Each structure stands twice: as C-alpha cells, then as structure tokens.
Amino acid sequence: MKSDTFHMSMLFDFYGDLLTDKQKELFDLYYNEDLSLTEIAEHAEISRQGVRDAIIRAETILRDTEDKVGLVRKYSGYEDKLIKIREEVSYIARVNSDLRNYEIAKRTEAITKMIDELLK
C-alpha cells in the first residue's frame, strides 16, 4: 500500500478536504506519521481491517479526483518547467556578467525572485 507515499501525500495535500474527518485522520497517521495499520487500529479503537478499508477508500477518492482534475500532474509539470526557466535565466545572468548590462541584470534578478516565490 505504501509504495507511492510521496504521490499519495501530494494527492492528500491537494484533495484532502474531500475526505471525511475520520479518513483524513487515518490517512495522515498512515502516510505522514508512518504508523502501521495495527498501531492506527489501536489508536482509533477500530479493527485493523477497518483502518485498511478506510485508507483504501481514501486513496481511491484521491486517485479518482486526480484522474478527473489533474492538479497534481499539472503542478508537477509547472514545477519542472519553472526549474528549467530558472536555469536559463541563470545562464543569461552569467553571460551578462561579461556584458554588464544593467537592465538585463535587473530583469534576470526579478525573474529569479518570481520563480523562487512560485516554487515555495
């Protein structure tokens, strides 16, 4: 079940509000707190199978929503592109260090700051 922990955590960050409070709690304990199903069952005072079923239902809701909406996929693509843009801007800034054009320097700094803000 935990083979794609990072992806599931991303889905939870984007779509977690679609889950019930109980699903959120169990999902969080499983994926973010890294508790076993048995530990969660003891904490929640339900059966291990009940925990497993709730987590699987939560995963299904999150995956189905991502399949329909695609926000995580889009976000990941934007992040990769922003990193590439930052690399290109850095190259322009390095080339400009020989040219010493104030406008280019000012604009490359502004672009780099915007990219950093978007990647936070």
PDB file of N, CA and C in Angstrom:
ATOM      1  N   MET A   1       0.808  -1.204   0.000  1.00  0.00           N
ATOM      2  CA  MET A   1       0.000   0.000   0.000  1.00  0.00           C
ATOM      3  C   MET A   1       0.853   1.271   0.000  1.00  0.00           C
ATOM      4  N   LYS A   2       2.017   1.252   0.663  1.00  0.00           N
ATOM      5  CA  LYS A   2       2.800   2.481   0.800  1.00  0.00           C
ATOM      6  C   LYS A   2       3.806   2.690  -0.320  1.00  0.00           C
ATOM      7  N   SER A   3       3.681   2.003  -1.408  1.00  0.00           N
ATOM      8  CA  SER A   3       4.688   2.085  -2.463  1.00  0.00           C
ATOM      9  C   SER A   3       4.813   3.474  -3.074  1.00  0.00           C
ATOM     10  N   ASP A   4       3.769   4.271  -3.012  1.00  0.00           N
ATOM     11  CA  ASP A   4       3.815   5.594  -3.627  1.00  0.00           C
ATOM     12  C   ASP A   4       3.481   6.680  -2.598  1.00  0.00           C
ATOM     13  N   THR A   5       4.194   6.660  -1.496  1.00  0.00           N
ATOM     14  CA  THR A   5       3.909   7.558  -0.373  1.00  0.00           C
ATOM     15  C   THR A   5       3.951   9.022  -0.777  1.00  0.00           C
ATOM     16  N   PHE A   6       4.977   9.421  -1.509  1.00  0.00           N
ATOM     17  CA  PHE A   6       5.088  10.828  -1.895  1.00  0.00           C
ATOM     18  C   PHE A   6       3.898  11.254  -2.749  1.00  0.00           C
ATOM     19  N   HIS A   7       3.553  10.435  -3.709  1.00  0.00           N
ATOM     20  CA  HIS A   7       2.430  10.760  -4.591  1.00  0.00           C
ATOM     21  C   HIS A   7       1.125  10.853  -3.797  1.00  0.00           C
ATOM     22  N   MET A   8       0.912   9.910  -2.887  1.00  0.00           N
ATOM     23  CA  MET A   8      -0.303   9.936  -2.072  1.00  0.00           C
ATOM     24  C   MET A   8      -0.325  11.171  -1.173  1.00  0.00           C
ATOM     25  N   SER A   9       0.807  11.560  -0.650  1.00  0.00           N
ATOM     26  CA  SER A   9       0.868  12.770   0.179  1.00  0.00           C
ATOM     27  C   SER A   9       0.546  14.011  -0.639  1.00  0.00           C
ATOM     28  N   MET A  10       1.022  14.041  -1.878  1.00  0.00           N
ATOM     29  CA  MET A  10       0.688  15.164  -2.761  1.00  0.00           C
ATOM     30  C   MET A  10      -0.815  15.195  -3.037  1.00  0.00           C
ATOM     31  N   LEU A  11      -1.379  14.042  -3.328  1.00  0.00           N
ATOM     32  CA  LEU A  11      -2.819  13.980  -3.572  1.00  0.00           C
ATOM     33  C   LEU A  11      -3.590  14.451  -2.341  1.00  0.00           C
ATOM     34  N   PHE A  12      -3.133  14.045  -1.173  1.00  0.00           N
ATOM     35  CA  PHE A  12      -3.777  14.447   0.079  1.00  0.00           C
ATOM     36  C   PHE A  12      -3.690  15.959   0.269  1.00  0.00           C
ATOM     37  N   ASP A  13      -2.538  16.537  -0.054  1.00  0.00           N
ATOM     38  CA  ASP A  13      -2.380  17.991   0.070  1.00  0.00           C
ATOM     39  C   ASP A  13      -3.359  18.731  -0.835  1.00  0.00           C
ATOM     40  N   PHE A  14      -3.550  18.226  -2.024  1.00  0.00           N
ATOM     41  CA  PHE A  14      -4.426  18.887  -2.987  1.00  0.00           C
ATOM     42  C   PHE A  14      -5.908  18.604  -2.737  1.00  0.00           C
ATOM     43  N   TYR A  15      -6.243  17.361  -2.400  1.00  0.00           N
ATOM     44  CA  TYR A  15      -7.645  16.956  -2.370  1.00  0.00           C
ATOM     45  C   TYR A  15      -8.119  16.438  -1.007  1.00  0.00           C
ATOM     46  N   GLY A  16      -7.315  16.564   0.007  1.00  0.00           N
ATOM     47  CA  GLY A  16      -7.653  16.010   1.315  1.00  0.00           C
ATOM     48  C   GLY A  16      -8.973  16.487   1.874  1.00  0.00           C
ATOM     49  N   ASP A  17      -9.386  17.693   1.521  1.00  0.00           N
ATOM     50  CA  ASP A  17     -10.655  18.221   2.033  1.00  0.00           C
ATOM     51  C   ASP A  17     -11.867  17.441   1.522  1.00  0.00           C
ATOM     52  N   LEU A  18     -11.674  16.608   0.534  1.00  0.00           N
ATOM     53  CA  LEU A  18     -12.778  15.793   0.022  1.00  0.00           C
ATOM     54  C   LEU A  18     -13.044  14.571   0.905  1.00  0.00           C
ATOM     55  N   LEU A  19     -12.114  14.284   1.802  1.00  0.00           N
ATOM     56  CA  LEU A  19     -12.251  13.117   2.676  1.00  0.00           C
ATOM     57  C   LEU A  19     -13.015  13.482   3.946  1.00  0.00           C
ATOM     58  N   THR A  20     -13.583  12.465   4.578  1.00  0.00           N
ATOM     59  CA  THR A  20     -14.219  12.685   5.874  1.00  0.00           C
ATOM     60  C   THR A  20     -13.126  12.953   6.911  1.00  0.00           C
ATOM     61  N   ASP A  21     -13.517  13.496   8.043  1.00  0.00           N
ATOM     62  CA  ASP A  21     -12.536  13.762   9.102  1.00  0.00           C
ATOM     63  C   ASP A  21     -11.830  12.476   9.537  1.00  0.00           C
ATOM     64  N   LYS A  22     -12.587  11.389   9.635  1.00  0.00           N
ATOM     65  CA  LYS A  22     -12.005  10.105  10.044  1.00  0.00           C
ATOM     66  C   LYS A  22     -11.022   9.602   8.986  1.00  0.00           C
ATOM     67  N   GLN A  23     -11.375   9.706   7.715  1.00  0.00           N
ATOM     68  CA  GLN A  23     -10.461   9.288   6.650  1.00  0.00           C
ATOM     69  C   GLN A  23      -9.196  10.126   6.676  1.00  0.00           C
ATOM     70  N   LYS A  24      -9.345  11.431   6.881  1.00  0.00           N
ATOM     71  CA  LYS A  24      -8.172  12.314   6.967  1.00  0.00           C
ATOM     72  C   LYS A  24      -7.254  11.883   8.094  1.00  0.00           C
ATOM     73  N   GLU A  25      -7.853  11.626   9.258  1.00  0.00           N
ATOM     74  CA  GLU A  25      -7.055  11.243  10.423  1.00  0.00           C
ATOM     75  C   GLU A  25      -6.291   9.947  10.164  1.00  0.00           C
ATOM     76  N   LEU A  26      -6.990   8.923   9.670  1.00  0.00           N
ATOM     77  CA  LEU A  26      -6.352   7.629   9.430  1.00  0.00           C
ATOM     78  C   LEU A  26      -5.306   7.726   8.325  1.00  0.00           C
ATOM     79  N   PHE A  27      -5.629   8.441   7.269  1.00  0.00           N
ATOM     80  CA  PHE A  27      -4.696   8.631   6.161  1.00  0.00           C
ATOM     81  C   PHE A  27      -3.425   9.327   6.658  1.00  0.00           C
ATOM     82  N   ASP A  28      -3.608  10.388   7.435  1.00  0.00           N
ATOM     83  CA  ASP A  28      -2.474  11.148   7.971  1.00  0.00           C
ATOM     84  C   ASP A  28      -1.596  10.270   8.859  1.00  0.00           C
ATOM     85  N   LEU A  29      -2.205   9.492   9.721  1.00  0.00           N
ATOM     86  CA  LEU A  29      -1.434   8.611  10.598  1.00  0.00           C
ATOM     87  C   LEU A  29      -0.647   7.574   9.795  1.00  0.00           C
ATOM     88  N   TYR A  30      -1.251   7.094   8.737  1.00  0.00           N
ATOM     89  CA  TYR A  30      -0.609   6.060   7.926  1.00  0.00           C
ATOM     90  C   TYR A  30       0.511   6.625   7.052  1.00  0.00           C
ATOM     91  N   TYR A  31       0.215   7.677   6.300  1.00  0.00           N
ATOM     92  CA  TYR A  31       1.186   8.196   5.338  1.00  0.00           C
ATOM     93  C   TYR A  31       2.140   9.232   5.925  1.00  0.00           C
ATOM     94  N   ASN A  32       1.654  10.116   6.756  1.00  0.00           N
ATOM     95  CA  ASN A  32       2.511  11.196   7.251  1.00  0.00           C
ATOM     96  C   ASN A  32       3.192  10.856   8.570  1.00  0.00           C
ATOM     97  N   GLU A  33       2.507  10.111   9.435  1.00  0.00           N
ATOM     98  CA  GLU A  33       3.103   9.737  10.719  1.00  0.00           C
ATOM     99  C   GLU A  33       3.784   8.373  10.645  1.00  0.00           C
ATOM    100  N   ASP A  34       3.572   7.670   9.540  1.00  0.00           N
ATOM    101  CA  ASP A  34       4.204   6.374   9.267  1.00  0.00           C
ATOM    102  C   ASP A  34       3.875   5.309  10.326  1.00  0.00           C
ATOM    103  N   LEU A  35       2.643   5.331  10.819  1.00  0.00           N
ATOM    104  CA  LEU A  35       2.215   4.305  11.759  1.00  0.00           C
ATOM    105  C   LEU A  35       1.726   3.078  10.996  1.00  0.00           C
ATOM    106  N   SER A  36       1.843   1.932  11.616  1.00  0.00           N
ATOM    107  CA  SER A  36       1.345   0.704  10.995  1.00  0.00           C
ATOM    108  C   SER A  36      -0.173   0.652  11.127  1.00  0.00           C
ATOM    109  N   LEU A  37      -0.785  -0.238  10.362  1.00  0.00           N
ATOM    110  CA  LEU A  37      -2.232  -0.410  10.451  1.00  0.00           C
ATOM    111  C   LEU A  37      -2.639  -0.834  11.857  1.00  0.00           C
ATOM    112  N   THR A  38      -1.852  -1.684  12.466  1.00  0.00           N
ATOM    113  CA  THR A  38      -2.142  -2.147  13.826  1.00  0.00           C
ATOM    114  C   THR A  38      -2.068  -0.999  14.824  1.00  0.00           C
ATOM    115  N   GLU A  39      -1.039  -0.164  14.705  1.00  0.00           N
ATOM    116  CA  GLU A  39      -0.913   0.988  15.611  1.00  0.00           C
ATOM    117  C   GLU A  39      -2.086   1.951  15.452  1.00  0.00           C
ATOM    118  N   ILE A  40      -2.473   2.172  14.212  1.00  0.00           N
ATOM    119  CA  ILE A  40      -3.600   3.081  13.946  1.00  0.00           C
ATOM    120  C   ILE A  40      -4.890   2.483  14.502  1.00  0.00           C
ATOM    121  N   ALA A  41      -5.069   1.171  14.327  1.00  0.00           N
ATOM    122  CA  ALA A  41      -6.268   0.497  14.825  1.00  0.00           C
ATOM    123  C   ALA A  41      -6.369   0.645  16.344  1.00  0.00           C
ATOM    124  N   GLU A  42      -5.266   0.501  17.031  1.00  0.00           N
ATOM    125  CA  GLU A  42      -5.265   0.661  18.487  1.00  0.00           C
ATOM    126  C   GLU A  42      -5.607   2.095  18.863  1.00  0.00           C
ATOM    127  N   HIS A  43      -5.011   3.039  18.148  1.00  0.00           N
ATOM    128  CA  HIS A  43      -5.252   4.458  18.419  1.00  0.00           C
ATOM    129  C   HIS A  43      -6.711   4.826  18.162  1.00  0.00           C
ATOM    130  N   ALA A  44      -7.259   4.361  17.047  1.00  0.00           N
ATOM    131  CA  ALA A  44      -8.614   4.723  16.637  1.00  0.00           C
ATOM    132  C   ALA A  44      -9.678   3.821  17.271  1.00  0.00           C
ATOM    133  N   GLU A  45      -9.218   2.765  17.943  1.00  0.00           N
ATOM    134  CA  GLU A  45     -10.116   1.801  18.578  1.00  0.00           C
ATOM    135  C   GLU A  45     -11.084   1.167  17.577  1.00  0.00           C
ATOM    136  N   ILE A  46     -10.513   0.795  16.427  1.00  0.00           N
ATOM    137  CA  ILE A  46     -11.263   0.031  15.428  1.00  0.00           C
ATOM    138  C   ILE A  46     -10.377  -1.125  14.979  1.00  0.00           C
ATOM    139  N   SER A  47     -10.924  -2.012  14.168  1.00  0.00           N
ATOM    140  CA  SER A  47     -10.142  -3.165  13.720  1.00  0.00           C
ATOM    141  C   SER A  47      -9.076  -2.731  12.700  1.00  0.00           C
ATOM    142  N   ARG A  48      -8.064  -3.562  12.584  1.00  0.00           N
ATOM    143  CA  ARG A  48      -7.016  -3.326  11.590  1.00  0.00           C
ATOM    144  C   ARG A  48      -7.629  -3.311  10.193  1.00  0.00           C
ATOM    145  N   GLN A  49      -8.576  -4.230   9.943  1.00  0.00           N
ATOM    146  CA  GLN A  49      -9.250  -4.283   8.644  1.00  0.00           C
ATOM    147  C   GLN A  49     -10.054  -3.008   8.398  1.00  0.00           C
ATOM    148  N   GLY A  50     -10.670  -2.463   9.434  1.00  0.00           N
ATOM    149  CA  GLY A  50     -11.412  -1.209   9.305  1.00  0.00           C
ATOM    150  C   GLY A  50     -10.502  -0.056   8.913  1.00  0.00           C
ATOM    151  N   VAL A  51      -9.312  -0.032   9.491  1.00  0.00           N
ATOM    152  CA  VAL A  51      -8.325   1.003   9.129  1.00  0.00           C
ATOM    153  C   VAL A  51      -7.921   0.837   7.676  1.00  0.00           C
ATOM    154  N   ARG A  52      -7.609  -0.399   7.307  1.00  0.00           N
ATOM    155  CA  ARG A  52      -7.176  -0.671   5.928  1.00  0.00           C
ATOM    156  C   ARG A  52      -8.252  -0.265   4.924  1.00  0.00           C
ATOM    157  N   ASP A  53      -9.490  -0.616   5.208  1.00  0.00           N
ATOM    158  CA  ASP A  53     -10.601  -0.272   4.312  1.00  0.00           C
ATOM    159  C   ASP A  53     -10.758   1.248   4.177  1.00  0.00           C
ATOM    160  N   ALA A  54     -10.661   1.953   5.291  1.00  0.00           N
ATOM    161  CA  ALA A  54     -10.807   3.411   5.268  1.00  0.00           C
ATOM    162  C   ALA A  54      -9.686   4.059   4.459  1.00  0.00           C
ATOM    163  N   ILE A  55      -8.473   3.570   4.607  1.00  0.00           N
ATOM    164  CA  ILE A  55      -7.340   4.128   3.871  1.00  0.00           C
ATOM    165  C   ILE A  55      -7.481   3.834   2.379  1.00  0.00           C
ATOM    166  N   ILE A  56      -7.898   2.618   2.050  1.00  0.00           N
ATOM    167  CA  ILE A  56      -8.091   2.275   0.633  1.00  0.00           C
ATOM    168  C   ILE A  56      -9.194   3.141   0.019  1.00  0.00           C
ATOM    169  N   ARG A  57     -10.289   3.372   0.760  1.00  0.00           N
ATOM    170  CA  ARG A  57     -11.348   4.252   0.255  1.00  0.00           C
ATOM    171  C   ARG A  57     -10.812   5.668   0.040  1.00  0.00           C
ATOM    172  N   ALA A  58     -10.020   6.153   0.978  1.00  0.00           N
ATOM    173  CA  ALA A  58      -9.438   7.499   0.857  1.00  0.00           C
ATOM    174  C   ALA A  58      -8.524   7.565  -0.357  1.00  0.00           C
ATOM    175  N   GLU A  59      -7.676   6.550  -0.525  1.00  0.00           N
ATOM    176  CA  GLU A  59      -6.776   6.522  -1.681  1.00  0.00           C
ATOM    177  C   GLU A  59      -7.570   6.544  -2.988  1.00  0.00           C
ATOM    178  N   THR A  60      -8.645   5.785  -3.030  1.00  0.00           N
ATOM    179  CA  THR A  60      -9.477   5.721  -4.232  1.00  0.00           C
ATOM    180  C   THR A  60     -10.084   7.079  -4.543  1.00  0.00           C
ATOM    181  N   ILE A  61     -10.602   7.746  -3.526  1.00  0.00           N
ATOM    182  CA  ILE A  61     -11.179   9.082  -3.720  1.00  0.00           C
ATOM    183  C   ILE A  61     -10.119  10.033  -4.256  1.00  0.00           C
ATOM    184  N   LEU A  62      -8.930  10.007  -3.657  1.00  0.00           N
ATOM    185  CA  LEU A  62      -7.864  10.928  -4.069  1.00  0.00           C
ATOM    186  C   LEU A  62      -7.397  10.638  -5.495  1.00  0.00           C
ATOM    187  N   ARG A  63      -7.209   9.360  -5.803  1.00  0.00           N
ATOM    188  CA  ARG A  63      -6.760   8.991  -7.162  1.00  0.00           C
ATOM    189  C   ARG A  63      -7.814   9.323  -8.217  1.00  0.00           C
ATOM    190  N   ASP A  64      -9.063   8.998  -7.915  1.00  0.00           N
ATOM    191  CA  ASP A  64     -10.142   9.285  -8.866  1.00  0.00           C
ATOM    192  C   ASP A  64     -10.274  10.784  -9.123  1.00  0.00           C
ATOM    193  N   THR A  65     -10.138  11.569  -8.065  1.00  0.00           N
ATOM    194  CA  THR A  65     -10.214  13.019  -8.218  1.00  0.00           C
ATOM    195  C   THR A  65      -9.057  13.525  -9.066  1.00  0.00           C
ATOM    196  N   GLU A  66      -7.860  13.006  -8.818  1.00  0.00           N
ATOM    197  CA  GLU A  66      -6.699  13.419  -9.621  1.00  0.00           C
ATOM    198  C   GLU A  66      -6.893  13.027 -11.077  1.00  0.00           C
ATOM    199  N   ASP A  67      -7.452  11.840 -11.323  1.00  0.00           N
ATOM    200  CA  ASP A  67      -7.704  11.415 -12.703  1.00  0.00           C
ATOM    201  C   ASP A  67      -8.643  12.380 -13.418  1.00  0.00           C
ATOM    202  N   LYS A  68      -9.612  12.910 -12.691  1.00  0.00           N
ATOM    203  CA  LYS A  68     -10.586  13.824 -13.294  1.00  0.00           C
ATOM    204  C   LYS A  68     -10.071  15.257 -13.386  1.00  0.00           C
ATOM    205  N   VAL A  69      -9.369  15.709 -12.354  1.00  0.00           N
ATOM    206  CA  VAL A  69      -8.982  17.112 -12.276  1.00  0.00           C
ATOM    207  C   VAL A  69      -7.535  17.346 -12.725  1.00  0.00           C
ATOM    208  N   GLY A  70      -6.621  16.502 -12.295  1.00  0.00           N
ATOM    209  CA  GLY A  70      -5.234  16.564 -12.742  1.00  0.00           C
ATOM    210  C   GLY A  70      -4.392  17.687 -12.161  1.00  0.00           C
ATOM    211  N   LEU A  71      -4.744  18.213 -10.992  1.00  0.00           N
ATOM    212  CA  LEU A  71      -3.973  19.319 -10.433  1.00  0.00           C
ATOM    213  C   LEU A  71      -2.541  18.926 -10.053  1.00  0.00           C
ATOM    214  N   VAL A  72      -2.360  17.756  -9.484  1.00  0.00           N
ATOM    215  CA  VAL A  72      -1.020  17.320  -9.086  1.00  0.00           C
ATOM    216  C   VAL A  72      -0.140  17.156 -10.319  1.00  0.00           C
ATOM    217  N   ARG A  73      -0.692  16.555 -11.354  1.00  0.00           N
ATOM    218  CA  ARG A  73       0.057  16.368 -12.608  1.00  0.00           C
ATOM    219  C   ARG A  73       0.450  17.719 -13.199  1.00  0.00           C
ATOM    220  N   LYS A  74      -0.506  18.654 -13.216  1.00  0.00           N
ATOM    221  CA  LYS A  74      -0.211  19.986 -13.752  1.00  0.00           C
ATOM    222  C   LYS A  74       0.819  20.696 -12.900  1.00  0.00           C
ATOM    223  N   TYR A  75       0.672  20.612 -11.587  1.00  0.00           N
ATOM    224  CA  TYR A  75       1.620  21.263 -10.681  1.00  0.00           C
ATOM    225  C   TYR A  75       3.029  20.710 -10.888  1.00  0.00           C
ATOM    226  N   SER A  76       3.143  19.400 -10.994  1.00  0.00           N
ATOM    227  CA  SER A  76       4.462  18.787 -11.184  1.00  0.00           C
ATOM    228  C   SER A  76       5.098  19.261 -12.489  1.00  0.00           C
ATOM    229  N   GLY A  77       4.300  19.377 -13.530  1.00  0.00           N
ATOM    230  CA  GLY A  77       4.813  19.866 -14.810  1.00  0.00           C
ATOM    231  C   GLY A  77       5.263  21.309 -14.715  1.00  0.00           C
ATOM    232  N   TYR A  78       4.501  22.128 -14.009  1.00  0.00           N
ATOM    233  CA  TYR A  78       4.877  23.535 -13.846  1.00  0.00           C
ATOM    234  C   TYR A  78       6.159  23.671 -13.045  1.00  0.00           C
ATOM    235  N   GLU A  79       6.284  22.878 -12.012  1.00  0.00           N
ATOM    236  CA  GLU A  79       7.482  22.949 -11.178  1.00  0.00           C
ATOM    237  C   GLU A  79       8.724  22.618 -12.006  1.00  0.00           C
ATOM    238  N   ASP A  80       8.657  21.557 -12.791  1.00  0.00           N
ATOM    239  CA  ASP A  80       9.793  21.178 -13.645  1.00  0.00           C
ATOM    240  C   ASP A  80      10.128  22.293 -14.632  1.00  0.00           C
ATOM    241  N   LYS A  81       9.109  22.889 -15.224  1.00  0.00           N
ATOM    242  CA  LYS A  81       9.343  23.968 -16.193  1.00  0.00           C
ATOM    243  C   LYS A  81       9.920  25.202 -15.524  1.00  0.00           C
ATOM    244  N   LEU A  82       9.451  25.521 -14.329  1.00  0.00           N
ATOM    245  CA  LEU A  82       9.997  26.683 -13.608  1.00  0.00           C
ATOM    246  C   LEU A  82      11.469  26.476 -13.261  1.00  0.00           C
ATOM    247  N   ILE A  83      11.827  25.265 -12.904  1.00  0.00           N
ATOM    248  CA  ILE A  83      13.233  24.970 -12.605  1.00  0.00           C
ATOM    249  C   ILE A  83      14.082  25.145 -13.863  1.00  0.00           C
ATOM    250  N   LYS A  84      13.574  24.697 -15.006  1.00  0.00           N
ATOM    251  CA  LYS A  84      14.310  24.881 -16.264  1.00  0.00           C
ATOM    252  C   LYS A  84      14.414  26.354 -16.632  1.00  0.00           C
ATOM    253  N   ILE A  85      13.337  27.104 -16.405  1.00  0.00           N
ATOM    254  CA  ILE A  85      13.384  28.547 -16.680  1.00  0.00           C
ATOM    255  C   ILE A  85      14.428  29.210 -15.792  1.00  0.00           C
ATOM    256  N   ARG A  86      14.477  28.826 -14.514  1.00  0.00           N
ATOM    257  CA  ARG A  86      15.479  29.391 -13.603  1.00  0.00           C
ATOM    258  C   ARG A  86      16.895  29.103 -14.115  1.00  0.00           C
ATOM    259  N   GLU A  87      17.124  27.901 -14.621  1.00  0.00           N
ATOM    260  CA  GLU A  87      18.437  27.548 -15.168  1.00  0.00           C
ATOM    261  C   GLU A  87      18.786  28.438 -16.364  1.00  0.00           C
ATOM    262  N   GLU A  88      17.820  28.668 -17.240  1.00  0.00           N
ATOM    263  CA  GLU A  88      18.052  29.520 -18.412  1.00  0.00           C
ATOM    264  C   GLU A  88      18.329  30.968 -17.994  1.00  0.00           C
ATOM    265  N   VAL A  89      17.592  31.451 -17.011  1.00  0.00           N
ATOM    266  CA  VAL A  89      17.802  32.818 -16.520  1.00  0.00           C
ATOM    267  C   VAL A  89      19.190  32.928 -15.883  1.00  0.00           C
ATOM    268  N   SER A  90      19.610  31.905 -15.176  1.00  0.00           N
ATOM    269  CA  SER A  90      20.958  31.901 -14.581  1.00  0.00           C
ATOM    270  C   SER A  90      22.028  31.975 -15.669  1.00  0.00           C
ATOM    271  N   TYR A  91      21.797  31.243 -16.757  1.00  0.00           N
ATOM    272  CA  TYR A  91      22.737  31.289 -17.877  1.00  0.00           C
ATOM    273  C   TYR A  91      22.809  32.705 -18.451  1.00  0.00           C
ATOM    274  N   ILE A  92      21.658  33.318 -18.658  1.00  0.00           N
ATOM    275  CA  ILE A  92      21.632  34.691 -19.189  1.00  0.00           C
ATOM    276  C   ILE A  92      22.371  35.639 -18.242  1.00  0.00           C
ATOM    277  N   ALA A  93      22.161  35.467 -16.950  1.00  0.00           N
ATOM    278  CA  ALA A  93      22.840  36.322 -15.961  1.00  0.00           C
ATOM    279  C   ALA A  93      24.354  36.122 -16.016  1.00  0.00           C
ATOM    280  N   ARG A  94      24.808  34.871 -16.183  1.00  0.00           N
ATOM    281  CA  ARG A  94      26.249  34.610 -16.283  1.00  0.00           C
ATOM    282  C   ARG A  94      26.845  35.259 -17.534  1.00  0.00           C
ATOM    283  N   VAL A  95      26.149  35.126 -18.657  1.00  0.00           N
ATOM    284  CA  VAL A  95      26.623  35.751 -19.895  1.00  0.00           C
ATOM    285  C   VAL A  95      26.646  37.266 -19.726  1.00  0.00           C
ATOM    286  N   ASN A  96      25.641  37.796 -19.058  1.00  0.00           N
ATOM    287  CA  ASN A  96      25.560  39.240 -18.850  1.00  0.00           C
ATOM    288  C   ASN A  96      26.644  39.752 -17.908  1.00  0.00           C
ATOM    289  N   SER A  97      27.222  38.881 -17.094  1.00  0.00           N
ATOM    290  CA  SER A  97      28.274  39.351 -16.193  1.00  0.00           C
ATOM    291  C   SER A  97      29.458  39.912 -16.984  1.00  0.00           C
ATOM    292  N   ASP A  98      29.678  39.402 -18.203  1.00  0.00           N
ATOM    293  CA  ASP A  98      30.716  39.958 -19.074  1.00  0.00           C
ATOM    294  C   ASP A  98      30.233  41.234 -19.765  1.00  0.00           C
ATOM    295  N   LEU A  99      28.948  41.265 -20.120  1.00  0.00           N
ATOM    296  CA  LEU A  99      28.397  42.417 -20.832  1.00  0.00           C
ATOM    297  C   LEU A  99      28.117  43.593 -19.907  1.00  0.00           C
ATOM    298  N   ARG A 100      27.732  43.278 -18.677  1.00  0.00           N
ATOM    299  CA  ARG A 100      27.417  44.273 -17.644  1.00  0.00           C
ATOM    300  C   ARG A 100      26.272  45.207 -18.054  1.00  0.00           C
ATOM    301  N   ASN A 101      25.235  44.619 -18.614  1.00  0.00           N
ATOM    302  CA  ASN A 101      24.054  45.400 -18.972  1.00  0.00           C
ATOM    303  C   ASN A 101      23.142  45.468 -17.748  1.00  0.00           C
ATOM    304  N   TYR A 102      22.937  46.653 -17.239  1.00  0.00           N
ATOM    305  CA  TYR A 102      22.163  46.848 -16.009  1.00  0.00           C
ATOM    306  C   TYR A 102      20.729  46.365 -16.163  1.00  0.00           C
ATOM    307  N   GLU A 103      20.081  46.640 -17.281  1.00  0.00           N
ATOM    308  CA  GLU A 103      18.688  46.237 -17.492  1.00  0.00           C
ATOM    309  C   GLU A 103      18.551  44.721 -17.498  1.00  0.00           C
ATOM    310  N   ILE A 104      19.464  44.035 -18.163  1.00  0.00           N
ATOM    311  CA  ILE A 104      19.416  42.569 -18.189  1.00  0.00           C
ATOM    312  C   ILE A 104      19.610  42.029 -16.783  1.00  0.00           C
ATOM    313  N   ALA A 105      20.563  42.578 -16.049  1.00  0.00           N
ATOM    314  CA  ALA A 105      20.816  42.122 -14.677  1.00  0.00           C
ATOM    315  C   ALA A 105      19.580  42.330 -13.800  1.00  0.00           C
ATOM    316  N   LYS A 106      18.973  43.493 -13.913  1.00  0.00           N
ATOM    317  CA  LYS A 106      17.798  43.821 -13.112  1.00  0.00           C
ATOM    318  C   LYS A 106      16.641  42.864 -13.425  1.00  0.00           C
ATOM    319  N   ARG A 107      16.426  42.609 -14.698  1.00  0.00           N
ATOM    320  CA  ARG A 107      15.307  41.757 -15.098  1.00  0.00           C
ATOM    321  C   ARG A 107      15.552  40.273 -14.772  1.00  0.00           C
ATOM    322  N   THR A 108      16.780  39.813 -14.909  1.00  0.00           N
ATOM    323  CA  THR A 108      17.061  38.414 -14.552  1.00  0.00           C
ATOM    324  C   THR A 108      16.894  38.206 -13.045  1.00  0.00           C
ATOM    325  N   GLU A 109      17.282  39.185 -12.241  1.00  0.00           N
ATOM    326  CA  GLU A 109      17.068  39.096 -10.792  1.00  0.00           C
ATOM    327  C   GLU A 109      15.574  39.052 -10.475  1.00  0.00           C
ATOM    328  N   ALA A 110      14.795  39.901 -11.141  1.00  0.00           N
ATOM    329  CA  ALA A 110      13.345  39.938 -10.899  1.00  0.00           C
ATOM    330  C   ALA A 110      12.699  38.606 -11.283  1.00  0.00           C
ATOM    331  N   ILE A 111      13.105  38.040 -12.409  1.00  0.00           N
ATOM    332  CA  ILE A 111      12.548  36.761 -12.856  1.00  0.00           C
ATOM    333  C   ILE A 111      12.914  35.659 -11.872  1.00  0.00           C
ATOM    334  N   THR A 112      14.158  35.651 -11.426  1.00  0.00           N
ATOM    335  CA  THR A 112      14.606  34.638 -10.473  1.00  0.00           C
ATOM    336  C   THR A 112      13.811  34.723  -9.176  1.00  0.00           C
ATOM    337  N   LYS A 113      13.557  35.924  -8.686  1.00  0.00           N
ATOM    338  CA  LYS A 113      12.760  36.095  -7.462  1.00  0.00           C
ATOM    339  C   LYS A 113      11.344  35.580  -7.657  1.00  0.00           C
ATOM    340  N   MET A 114      10.739  35.874  -8.806  1.00  0.00           N
ATOM    341  CA  MET A 114       9.373  35.403  -9.072  1.00  0.00           C
ATOM    342  C   MET A 114       9.327  33.873  -9.115  1.00  0.00           C
ATOM    343  N   ILE A 115      10.320  33.279  -9.769  1.00  0.00           N
ATOM    344  CA  ILE A 115      10.373  31.819  -9.850  1.00  0.00           C
ATOM    345  C   ILE A 115      10.517  31.229  -8.451  1.00  0.00           C
ATOM    346  N   ASP A 116      11.402  31.788  -7.651  1.00  0.00           N
ATOM    347  CA  ASP A 116      11.587  31.284  -6.279  1.00  0.00           C
ATOM    348  C   ASP A 116      10.300  31.384  -5.471  1.00  0.00           C
ATOM    349  N   GLU A 117       9.560  32.465  -5.632  1.00  0.00           N
ATOM    350  CA  GLU A 117       8.278  32.613  -4.918  1.00  0.00           C
ATOM    351  C   GLU A 117       7.274  31.566  -5.370  1.00  0.00           C
ATOM    352  N   LEU A 118       7.244  31.283  -6.661  1.00  0.00           N
ATOM    353  CA  LEU A 118       6.310  30.288  -7.170  1.00  0.00           C
ATOM    354  C   LEU A 118       6.658  28.882  -6.723  1.00  0.00           C
ATOM    355  N   LEU A 119       7.945  28.637  -6.515  1.00  0.00           N
ATOM    356  CA  LEU A 119       8.378  27.296  -6.111  1.00  0.00           C
ATOM    357  C   LEU A 119       8.304  27.068  -4.604  1.00  0.00           C
ATOM    358  N   LYS A 120       7.987  28.084  -3.830  1.00  0.00           N
ATOM    359  CA  LYS A 120       7.892  27.912  -2.368  1.00  0.00           C
ATOM    360  C   LYS A 120       6.744  27.028  -1.997  1.00  0.00           C
TER     361      LYS A 120
END
